[in-house]
């Protein structure tokens, strides 16, 4: 059946029981969501299908990453949904709040939202089994990356040889017999120079990594690219051995590049071991 409204494009990628949907093009729009975890990542546009996602984590306040935030909040109010939870870099919290109040006056509709500023080191509880950690990225404005973790209870090593009854008795006596184990599921950098990745090695370990790759051509000087908080294909290729991810989603390509050029250059440049795990958003 055809959708009644389809007002923004997105790709759908499934891996390891998770569905990633989104789109990213430099200076145009970036937006992603992890369907099963009810998490959105950046809000440069807002496909109608994404409206039901209640938790959004914005990496930074460049318009191609957050311009649709007031639209998203207004749509949820219009559809009588609960106010969403939106996380933004702490340094930008006041300005984002003011922006939403201005939009409220212009639109004559309440911008109902739970807005929270975050900084590196923060841990946000999503539900019993999942949490989000906040990481510092390197960009031209304050920027955060995010990792979604699954957490499980695992029996402590000192009790692994005990019977079920013995473990039960220890629990009843008040002994904590398990420890929390965290598994990085999805990592998202937003826009960043390569130092943002290198300073957060957990990003290389997540099952799924979504990151930017803005520039490809040899003639584009990396020192200038890094200065403006972006990455070049050579940065990815040089770090190929560090990517332990099962899947790497690359997007945010410059509008200079036709999709055919993106595919051709990456096919030639990326080592086999990494290329086989890469999906492109072009």
C-alpha atoms as a PDB file:
ATOM      1  CA  UNK A   1       0.000   0.000   0.000  1.00  0.00           C
ATOM      2  CA  UNK A   2       1.316   3.442  -0.871  1.00  0.00           C
ATOM      3  CA  UNK A   3       2.166   5.836   1.940  1.00  0.00           C
ATOM      4  CA  UNK A   4      -0.127   8.904   2.069  1.00  0.00           C
ATOM      5  CA  UNK A   5       2.897  11.140   2.712  1.00  0.00           C
ATOM      6  CA  UNK A   6       6.530  10.613   1.752  1.00  0.00           C
ATOM      7  CA  UNK A   7       8.251  13.924   2.219  1.00  0.00           C
ATOM      8  CA  UNK A   8      11.905  13.027   2.851  1.00  0.00           C
ATOM      9  CA  UNK A   9      14.044  10.164   1.498  1.00  0.00           C
ATOM     10  CA  UNK A  10      15.751   7.544   3.596  1.00  0.00           C
ATOM     11  CA  UNK A  11      17.588   4.271   3.219  1.00  0.00           C
ATOM     12  CA  UNK A  12      16.802   1.203   5.312  1.00  0.00           C
ATOM     13  CA  UNK A  13      19.636  -1.028   6.500  1.00  0.00           C
ATOM     14  CA  UNK A  14      19.123  -4.070   8.721  1.00  0.00           C
ATOM     15  CA  UNK A  15      21.845  -5.788  10.703  1.00  0.00           C
ATOM     16  CA  UNK A  16      21.973  -7.933  13.827  1.00  0.00           C
ATOM     17  CA  UNK A  17      18.313  -7.500  14.642  1.00  0.00           C
ATOM     18  CA  UNK A  18      18.425  -3.713  14.280  1.00  0.00           C
ATOM     19  CA  UNK A  19      16.885  -1.531  11.585  1.00  0.00           C
ATOM     20  CA  UNK A  20      18.744   1.661  10.720  1.00  0.00           C
ATOM     21  CA  UNK A  21      16.894   4.225   8.638  1.00  0.00           C
ATOM     22  CA  UNK A  22      18.091   7.626   7.539  1.00  0.00           C
ATOM     23  CA  UNK A  23      19.848   9.877   5.105  1.00  0.00           C
ATOM     24  CA  UNK A  24      22.861  12.184   5.154  1.00  0.00           C
ATOM     25  CA  UNK A  25      24.297  14.621   2.649  1.00  0.00           C
ATOM     26  CA  UNK A  26      26.677  17.418   3.644  1.00  0.00           C
ATOM     27  CA  UNK A  27      25.050  20.867   3.848  1.00  0.00           C
ATOM     28  CA  UNK A  28      21.698  19.335   2.859  1.00  0.00           C
ATOM     29  CA  UNK A  29      20.300  17.162   5.657  1.00  0.00           C
ATOM     30  CA  UNK A  30      21.249  14.405   8.092  1.00  0.00           C
ATOM     31  CA  UNK A  31      18.819  12.266  10.061  1.00  0.00           C
ATOM     32  CA  UNK A  32      18.899   8.680  11.306  1.00  0.00           C
ATOM     33  CA  UNK A  33      16.909   6.444  13.570  1.00  0.00           C
ATOM     34  CA  UNK A  34      17.275   3.003  15.146  1.00  0.00           C
ATOM     35  CA  UNK A  35      13.744   1.662  14.905  1.00  0.00           C
ATOM     36  CA  UNK A  36      13.792  -1.084  17.535  1.00  0.00           C
ATOM     37  CA  UNK A  37      15.377   1.181  20.158  1.00  0.00           C
ATOM     38  CA  UNK A  38      13.126   4.220  19.537  1.00  0.00           C
ATOM     39  CA  UNK A  39      16.163   6.453  19.057  1.00  0.00           C
ATOM     40  CA  UNK A  40      16.694   9.215  16.510  1.00  0.00           C
ATOM     41  CA  UNK A  41      20.059  10.755  15.657  1.00  0.00           C
ATOM     42  CA  UNK A  42      20.090  14.300  14.262  1.00  0.00           C
ATOM     43  CA  UNK A  43      17.082  16.038  12.759  1.00  0.00           C
ATOM     44  CA  UNK A  44      18.075  17.876   9.598  1.00  0.00           C
ATOM     45  CA  UNK A  45      14.809  16.720   8.039  1.00  0.00           C
ATOM     46  CA  UNK A  46      11.870  14.747   9.392  1.00  0.00           C
ATOM     47  CA  UNK A  47      10.309  11.979   7.315  1.00  0.00           C
ATOM     48  CA  UNK A  48       6.683  11.538   8.306  1.00  0.00           C
ATOM     49  CA  UNK A  49       7.465   7.915   9.233  1.00  0.00           C
ATOM     50  CA  UNK A  50       9.963   9.098  11.858  1.00  0.00           C
ATOM     51  CA  UNK A  51       7.417  11.067  13.879  1.00  0.00           C
ATOM     52  CA  UNK A  52       6.729   8.148  16.240  1.00  0.00           C
ATOM     53  CA  UNK A  53      10.347   7.960  17.409  1.00  0.00           C
ATOM     54  CA  UNK A  54      10.283   9.607  20.884  1.00  0.00           C
ATOM     55  CA  UNK A  55      14.004  10.066  21.740  1.00  0.00           C
ATOM     56  CA  UNK A  56      16.304  12.263  19.641  1.00  0.00           C
ATOM     57  CA  UNK A  57      19.999  12.916  20.127  1.00  0.00           C
ATOM     58  CA  UNK A  58      21.390  15.914  18.225  1.00  0.00           C
ATOM     59  CA  UNK A  59      25.120  16.005  17.619  1.00  0.00           C
ATOM     60  CA  UNK A  60      25.345  19.741  16.900  1.00  0.00           C
ATOM     61  CA  UNK A  61      23.347  22.740  15.782  1.00  0.00           C
ATOM     62  CA  UNK A  62      24.311  23.197  12.137  1.00  0.00           C
ATOM     63  CA  UNK A  63      21.057  23.505  10.215  1.00  0.00           C
ATOM     64  CA  UNK A  64      21.546  20.399   8.091  1.00  0.00           C
ATOM     65  CA  UNK A  65      21.510  18.435  11.371  1.00  0.00           C
ATOM     66  CA  UNK A  66      18.732  20.147  13.328  1.00  0.00           C
ATOM     67  CA  UNK A  67      16.583  22.415  11.128  1.00  0.00           C
ATOM     68  CA  UNK A  68      13.554  20.107  11.304  1.00  0.00           C
ATOM     69  CA  UNK A  69      13.473  19.918  15.100  1.00  0.00           C
ATOM     70  CA  UNK A  70      10.590  22.421  15.530  1.00  0.00           C
ATOM     71  CA  UNK A  71       8.646  20.638  12.761  1.00  0.00           C
ATOM     72  CA  UNK A  72       9.075  17.269  14.475  1.00  0.00           C
ATOM     73  CA  UNK A  73       7.973  18.635  17.861  1.00  0.00           C
ATOM     74  CA  UNK A  74       4.956  20.401  16.320  1.00  0.00           C
ATOM     75  CA  UNK A  75       3.869  17.275  14.435  1.00  0.00           C
ATOM     76  CA  UNK A  76       3.871  15.193  17.604  1.00  0.00           C
ATOM     77  CA  UNK A  77       1.738  17.783  19.385  1.00  0.00           C
ATOM     78  CA  UNK A  78      -0.621  17.946  16.416  1.00  0.00           C
ATOM     79  CA  UNK A  79      -1.016  14.162  16.477  1.00  0.00           C
ATOM     80  CA  UNK A  80      -1.609  14.228  20.268  1.00  0.00           C
ATOM     81  CA  UNK A  81       1.565  12.276  21.040  1.00  0.00           C
ATOM     82  CA  UNK A  82       3.588  12.644  24.217  1.00  0.00           C
ATOM     83  CA  UNK A  83       6.284  15.358  24.162  1.00  0.00           C
ATOM     84  CA  UNK A  84       9.537  13.895  22.818  1.00  0.00           C
ATOM     85  CA  UNK A  85      12.839  13.812  24.674  1.00  0.00           C
ATOM     86  CA  UNK A  86      15.554  15.726  22.816  1.00  0.00           C
ATOM     87  CA  UNK A  87      19.215  15.882  23.825  1.00  0.00           C
ATOM     88  CA  UNK A  88      21.551  18.631  22.571  1.00  0.00           C
ATOM     89  CA  UNK A  89      25.094  19.729  23.412  1.00  0.00           C
ATOM     90  CA  UNK A  90      24.979  21.496  26.762  1.00  0.00           C
ATOM     91  CA  UNK A  91      26.650  24.644  25.395  1.00  0.00           C
ATOM     92  CA  UNK A  92      23.812  25.039  22.881  1.00  0.00           C
ATOM     93  CA  UNK A  93      20.918  24.280  25.216  1.00  0.00           C
ATOM     94  CA  UNK A  94      19.909  27.906  25.876  1.00  0.00           C
ATOM     95  CA  UNK A  95      19.989  28.863  22.200  1.00  0.00           C
ATOM     96  CA  UNK A  96      17.968  25.804  21.165  1.00  0.00           C
ATOM     97  CA  UNK A  97      15.421  26.599  23.865  1.00  0.00           C
ATOM     98  CA  UNK A  98      15.171  30.179  22.594  1.00  0.00           C
ATOM     99  CA  UNK A  99      14.789  28.955  19.012  1.00  0.00           C
ATOM    100  CA  UNK A 100      11.876  26.725  20.014  1.00  0.00           C
ATOM    101  CA  UNK A 101      10.203  29.602  21.868  1.00  0.00           C
ATOM    102  CA  UNK A 102      10.534  31.821  18.785  1.00  0.00           C
ATOM    103  CA  UNK A 103       9.008  29.077  16.626  1.00  0.00           C
ATOM    104  CA  UNK A 104       6.227  28.728  19.168  1.00  0.00           C
ATOM    105  CA  UNK A 105       5.371  32.425  18.781  1.00  0.00           C
ATOM    106  CA  UNK A 106       5.548  32.261  14.985  1.00  0.00           C
ATOM    107  CA  UNK A 107       3.569  29.041  14.672  1.00  0.00           C
ATOM    108  CA  UNK A 108       1.093  29.835  17.489  1.00  0.00           C
ATOM    109  CA  UNK A 109       1.472  26.222  18.583  1.00  0.00           C
ATOM    110  CA  UNK A 110       3.187  25.017  21.743  1.00  0.00           C
ATOM    111  CA  UNK A 111       6.619  23.440  21.323  1.00  0.00           C
ATOM    112  CA  UNK A 112       6.067  20.670  23.872  1.00  0.00           C
ATOM    113  CA  UNK A 113       9.390  18.924  24.442  1.00  0.00           C
ATOM    114  CA  UNK A 114      11.635  17.569  27.178  1.00  0.00           C
ATOM    115  CA  UNK A 115      14.894  19.273  26.210  1.00  0.00           C
ATOM    116  CA  UNK A 116      18.144  18.331  27.927  1.00  0.00           C
ATOM    117  CA  UNK A 117      21.722  19.528  27.487  1.00  0.00           C
ATOM    118  CA  UNK A 118      24.434  16.860  27.532  1.00  0.00           C
ATOM    119  CA  UNK A 119      28.196  16.796  27.783  1.00  0.00           C
ATOM    120  CA  UNK A 120      30.875  14.158  27.332  1.00  0.00           C
ATOM    121  CA  UNK A 121      30.688  11.506  30.026  1.00  0.00           C
ATOM    122  CA  UNK A 122      26.928  11.685  30.526  1.00  0.00           C
ATOM    123  CA  UNK A 123      24.969   8.430  30.623  1.00  0.00           C
ATOM    124  CA  UNK A 124      21.295   8.446  29.641  1.00  0.00           C
ATOM    125  CA  UNK A 125      18.941   5.619  30.563  1.00  0.00           C
ATOM    126  CA  UNK A 126      16.738   4.554  27.672  1.00  0.00           C
ATOM    127  CA  UNK A 127      15.101   1.555  29.327  1.00  0.00           C
ATOM    128  CA  UNK A 128      16.019  -1.413  31.520  1.00  0.00           C
ATOM    129  CA  UNK A 129      18.232  -2.949  28.861  1.00  0.00           C
ATOM    130  CA  UNK A 130      19.712   0.007  26.978  1.00  0.00           C
ATOM    131  CA  UNK A 131      21.554   3.244  27.692  1.00  0.00           C
ATOM    132  CA  UNK A 132      23.309   5.978  25.747  1.00  0.00           C
ATOM    133  CA  UNK A 133      26.748   7.412  26.469  1.00  0.00           C
ATOM    134  CA  UNK A 134      27.791  10.886  25.331  1.00  0.00           C
ATOM    135  CA  UNK A 135      31.185  11.608  23.738  1.00  0.00           C
ATOM    136  CA  UNK A 136      33.107  14.670  22.621  1.00  0.00           C
ATOM    137  CA  UNK A 137      33.528  15.090  18.861  1.00  0.00           C
ATOM    138  CA  UNK A 138      35.717  17.558  16.970  1.00  0.00           C
ATOM    139  CA  UNK A 139      33.786  20.028  14.836  1.00  0.00           C
ATOM    140  CA  UNK A 140      33.499  23.785  14.303  1.00  0.00           C
ATOM    141  CA  UNK A 141      30.724  24.096  16.903  1.00  0.00           C
ATOM    142  CA  UNK A 142      30.216  22.142  20.144  1.00  0.00           C
ATOM    143  CA  UNK A 143      29.428  18.607  19.053  1.00  0.00           C
ATOM    144  CA  UNK A 144      28.662  15.272  20.700  1.00  0.00           C
ATOM    145  CA  UNK A 145      28.699  11.696  19.495  1.00  0.00           C
ATOM    146  CA  UNK A 146      26.549   8.952  20.954  1.00  0.00           C
ATOM    147  CA  UNK A 147      26.807   5.222  21.598  1.00  0.00           C
ATOM    148  CA  UNK A 148      23.770   3.058  22.313  1.00  0.00           C
ATOM    149  CA  UNK A 149      24.645   0.152  24.597  1.00  0.00           C
ATOM    150  CA  UNK A 150      22.846  -3.034  25.497  1.00  0.00           C
ATOM    151  CA  UNK A 151      23.384  -4.011  29.111  1.00  0.00           C
ATOM    152  CA  UNK A 152      23.151  -7.515  30.465  1.00  0.00           C
ATOM    153  CA  UNK A 153      23.629  -9.193  33.803  1.00  0.00           C
ATOM    154  CA  UNK A 154      26.465 -11.729  33.917  1.00  0.00           C
ATOM    155  CA  UNK A 155      27.402 -14.050  36.753  1.00  0.00           C
ATOM    156  CA  UNK A 156      30.589 -12.921  38.497  1.00  0.00           C
ATOM    157  CA  UNK A 157      33.594 -15.135  37.858  1.00  0.00           C
ATOM    158  CA  UNK A 158      33.960 -16.157  41.492  1.00  0.00           C
ATOM    159  CA  UNK A 159      30.524 -17.811  41.417  1.00  0.00           C
ATOM    160  CA  UNK A 160      30.701 -19.638  38.079  1.00  0.00           C
ATOM    161  CA  UNK A 161      31.392 -23.024  39.668  1.00  0.00           C
ATOM    162  CA  UNK A 162      28.440 -22.927  42.061  1.00  0.00           C
ATOM    163  CA  UNK A 163      25.174 -24.798  41.642  1.00  0.00           C
ATOM    164  CA  UNK A 164      21.909 -23.068  40.974  1.00  0.00           C
ATOM    165  CA  UNK A 165      20.797 -23.613  44.546  1.00  0.00           C
ATOM    166  CA  UNK A 166      23.997 -22.105  45.941  1.00  0.00           C
ATOM    167  CA  UNK A 167      23.635 -19.036  43.732  1.00  0.00           C
ATOM    168  CA  UNK A 168      20.006 -18.714  44.801  1.00  0.00           C
ATOM    169  CA  UNK A 169      20.982 -18.871  48.463  1.00  0.00           C
ATOM    170  CA  UNK A 170      23.615 -16.179  47.966  1.00  0.00           C
ATOM    171  CA  UNK A 171      21.022 -13.933  46.332  1.00  0.00           C
ATOM    172  CA  UNK A 172      18.597 -14.492  49.202  1.00  0.00           C
ATOM    173  CA  UNK A 173      21.341 -13.546  51.665  1.00  0.00           C
ATOM    174  CA  UNK A 174      21.840 -10.214  49.923  1.00  0.00           C
ATOM    175  CA  UNK A 175      25.012 -11.024  47.955  1.00  0.00           C
ATOM    176  CA  UNK A 176      25.248  -9.422  44.509  1.00  0.00           C
ATOM    177  CA  UNK A 177      26.220 -12.392  42.336  1.00  0.00           C
ATOM    178  CA  UNK A 178      26.038 -10.672  38.943  1.00  0.00           C
ATOM    179  CA  UNK A 179      27.756  -7.741  37.268  1.00  0.00           C
ATOM    180  CA  UNK A 180      26.610  -5.484  34.464  1.00  0.00           C
ATOM    181  CA  UNK A 181      28.114  -6.086  31.036  1.00  0.00           C
ATOM    182  CA  UNK A 182      27.694  -3.437  28.340  1.00  0.00           C
ATOM    183  CA  UNK A 183      27.693  -4.227  24.610  1.00  0.00           C
ATOM    184  CA  UNK A 184      28.063  -1.269  22.193  1.00  0.00           C
ATOM    185  CA  UNK A 185      25.334  -1.662  19.599  1.00  0.00           C
ATOM    186  CA  UNK A 186      25.208   1.560  17.549  1.00  0.00           C
ATOM    187  CA  UNK A 187      27.697   4.442  17.516  1.00  0.00           C
ATOM    188  CA  UNK A 188      27.042   7.756  15.764  1.00  0.00           C
ATOM    189  CA  UNK A 189      29.644  10.477  15.331  1.00  0.00           C
ATOM    190  CA  UNK A 190      27.749  13.171  13.451  1.00  0.00           C
ATOM    191  CA  UNK A 191      30.276  15.557  11.873  1.00  0.00           C
ATOM    192  CA  UNK A 192      33.811  15.231  13.171  1.00  0.00           C
ATOM    193  CA  UNK A 193      37.468  15.404  12.280  1.00  0.00           C
ATOM    194  CA  UNK A 194      39.244  12.041  12.715  1.00  0.00           C
ATOM    195  CA  UNK A 195      40.454  13.012  16.194  1.00  0.00           C
ATOM    196  CA  UNK A 196      36.858  12.655  17.329  1.00  0.00           C
ATOM    197  CA  UNK A 197      36.989   8.971  16.452  1.00  0.00           C
ATOM    198  CA  UNK A 198      40.481   8.381  17.784  1.00  0.00           C
ATOM    199  CA  UNK A 199      39.703   9.941  21.161  1.00  0.00           C
ATOM    200  CA  UNK A 200      36.736   7.581  21.596  1.00  0.00           C
ATOM    201  CA  UNK A 201      37.972   4.055  20.788  1.00  0.00           C
ATOM    202  CA  UNK A 202      34.593   2.571  21.758  1.00  0.00           C
ATOM    203  CA  UNK A 203      33.303   3.834  18.398  1.00  0.00           C
ATOM    204  CA  UNK A 204      35.584   1.369  16.630  1.00  0.00           C
ATOM    205  CA  UNK A 205      34.090  -1.491  18.686  1.00  0.00           C
ATOM    206  CA  UNK A 206      30.347  -0.886  18.226  1.00  0.00           C
ATOM    207  CA  UNK A 207      28.473  -3.462  16.178  1.00  0.00           C
ATOM    208  CA  UNK A 208      27.205  -0.688  13.896  1.00  0.00           C
ATOM    209  CA  UNK A 209      29.049   2.583  13.293  1.00  0.00           C
ATOM    210  CA  UNK A 210      27.409   5.489  11.476  1.00  0.00           C
ATOM    211  CA  UNK A 211      29.941   8.154  10.600  1.00  0.00           C
ATOM    212  CA  UNK A 212      30.668  10.922   8.161  1.00  0.00           C
ATOM    213  CA  UNK A 213      32.896  10.867   5.104  1.00  0.00           C
ATOM    214  CA  UNK A 214      32.604  14.294   3.534  1.00  0.00           C
ATOM    215  CA  UNK A 215      35.531  14.345   1.093  1.00  0.00           C
ATOM    216  CA  UNK A 216      37.045  11.854  -1.361  1.00  0.00           C
ATOM    217  CA  UNK A 217      39.261  13.451  -3.970  1.00  0.00           C
ATOM    218  CA  UNK A 218      43.037  13.520  -3.643  1.00  0.00           C
ATOM    219  CA  UNK A 219      43.123  17.240  -4.406  1.00  0.00           C
ATOM    220  CA  UNK A 220      41.147  18.143  -1.302  1.00  0.00           C
ATOM    221  CA  UNK A 221      43.659  19.086   1.397  1.00  0.00           C
ATOM    222  CA  UNK A 222      43.198  17.139   4.582  1.00  0.00           C
ATOM    223  CA  UNK A 223      44.541  19.830   6.899  1.00  0.00           C
ATOM    224  CA  UNK A 224      41.766  22.160   5.723  1.00  0.00           C
ATOM    225  CA  UNK A 225      39.155  19.395   5.927  1.00  0.00           C
ATOM    226  CA  UNK A 226      40.185  18.604   9.499  1.00  0.00           C
ATOM    227  CA  UNK A 227      40.179  22.276  10.439  1.00  0.00           C
ATOM    228  CA  UNK A 228      36.497  22.432   9.536  1.00  0.00           C
ATOM    229  CA  UNK A 229      35.685  19.268  11.437  1.00  0.00           C
ATOM    230  CA  UNK A 230      35.295  16.698   8.669  1.00  0.00           C
ATOM    231  CA  UNK A 231      36.955  13.567   7.332  1.00  0.00           C
ATOM    232  CA  UNK A 232      38.602  12.535   4.088  1.00  0.00           C
ATOM    233  CA  UNK A 233      38.575   9.046   2.604  1.00  0.00           C
ATOM    234  CA  UNK A 234      42.296   8.754   3.332  1.00  0.00           C
ATOM    235  CA  UNK A 235      41.498   9.138   7.060  1.00  0.00           C
ATOM    236  CA  UNK A 236      39.211   6.113   6.880  1.00  0.00           C
ATOM    237  CA  UNK A 237      41.624   4.041   4.779  1.00  0.00           C
ATOM    238  CA  UNK A 238      44.549   4.736   7.120  1.00  0.00           C
ATOM    239  CA  UNK A 239      42.491   3.492  10.069  1.00  0.00           C
ATOM    240  CA  UNK A 240      41.084   0.434   8.307  1.00  0.00           C
ATOM    241  CA  UNK A 241      42.575  -2.010  10.824  1.00  0.00           C
ATOM    242  CA  UNK A 242      40.997  -0.152  13.748  1.00  0.00           C
ATOM    243  CA  UNK A 243      37.417  -0.635  12.583  1.00  0.00           C
ATOM    244  CA  UNK A 244      36.228  -3.710  14.479  1.00  0.00           C
ATOM    245  CA  UNK A 245      32.610  -2.909  13.630  1.00  0.00           C
ATOM    246  CA  UNK A 246      30.414  -5.515  11.964  1.00  0.00           C
ATOM    247  CA  UNK A 247      28.865  -2.769   9.835  1.00  0.00           C
ATOM    248  CA  UNK A 248      30.081   0.746   8.964  1.00  0.00           C
ATOM    249  CA  UNK A 249      27.583   3.163   7.411  1.00  0.00           C
ATOM    250  CA  UNK A 250      29.273   6.041   5.616  1.00  0.00           C
ATOM    251  CA  UNK A 251      27.353   9.163   4.647  1.00  0.00           C
ATOM    252  CA  UNK A 252      27.469  12.971   4.650  1.00  0.00           C
ATOM    253  CA  UNK A 253      29.263  13.048   1.299  1.00  0.00           C
ATOM    254  CA  UNK A 254      29.851  16.459  -0.211  1.00  0.00           C
ATOM    255  CA  UNK A 255      27.352  17.554  -2.847  1.00  0.00           C
ATOM    256  CA  UNK A 256      30.354  17.860  -5.178  1.00  0.00           C
ATOM    257  CA  UNK A 257      30.199  14.106  -5.722  1.00  0.00           C
ATOM    258  CA  UNK A 258      27.821  12.110  -7.866  1.00  0.00           C
ATOM    259  CA  UNK A 259      26.860   8.774  -6.273  1.00  0.00           C
ATOM    260  CA  UNK A 260      28.672   6.928  -9.072  1.00  0.00           C
ATOM    261  CA  UNK A 261      31.912   8.710  -8.179  1.00  0.00           C
ATOM    262  CA  UNK A 262      31.453   7.898  -4.484  1.00  0.00           C
ATOM    263  CA  UNK A 263      30.998   4.205  -5.188  1.00  0.00           C
ATOM    264  CA  UNK A 264      33.861   4.056  -7.690  1.00  0.00           C
ATOM    265  CA  UNK A 265      36.396   5.826  -5.482  1.00  0.00           C
ATOM    266  CA  UNK A 266      35.552   3.868  -2.336  1.00  0.00           C
ATOM    267  CA  UNK A 267      35.662   0.588  -4.227  1.00  0.00           C
ATOM    268  CA  UNK A 268      39.178   1.421  -5.366  1.00  0.00           C
ATOM    269  CA  UNK A 269      40.491   2.927  -2.146  1.00  0.00           C
ATOM    270  CA  UNK A 270      39.150   0.904   0.777  1.00  0.00           C
ATOM    271  CA  UNK A 271      40.917  -2.339   1.757  1.00  0.00           C
ATOM    272  CA  UNK A 272      38.891  -5.497   1.147  1.00  0.00           C
ATOM    273  CA  UNK A 273      38.408  -6.331   4.834  1.00  0.00           C
ATOM    274  CA  UNK A 274      36.757  -2.986   5.509  1.00  0.00           C
ATOM    275  CA  UNK A 275      35.001  -2.486   2.173  1.00  0.00           C
ATOM    276  CA  UNK A 276      32.967  -5.665   2.662  1.00  0.00           C
ATOM    277  CA  UNK A 277      31.501  -4.226   5.898  1.00  0.00           C
ATOM    278  CA  UNK A 278      30.698  -0.783   4.503  1.00  0.00           C
ATOM    279  CA  UNK A 279      27.299   0.496   3.377  1.00  0.00           C
ATOM    280  CA  UNK A 280      27.011   3.850   1.662  1.00  0.00           C
ATOM    281  CA  UNK A 281      24.334   6.502   2.000  1.00  0.00           C
ATOM    282  CA  UNK A 282      24.494   8.263  -1.365  1.00  0.00           C
END
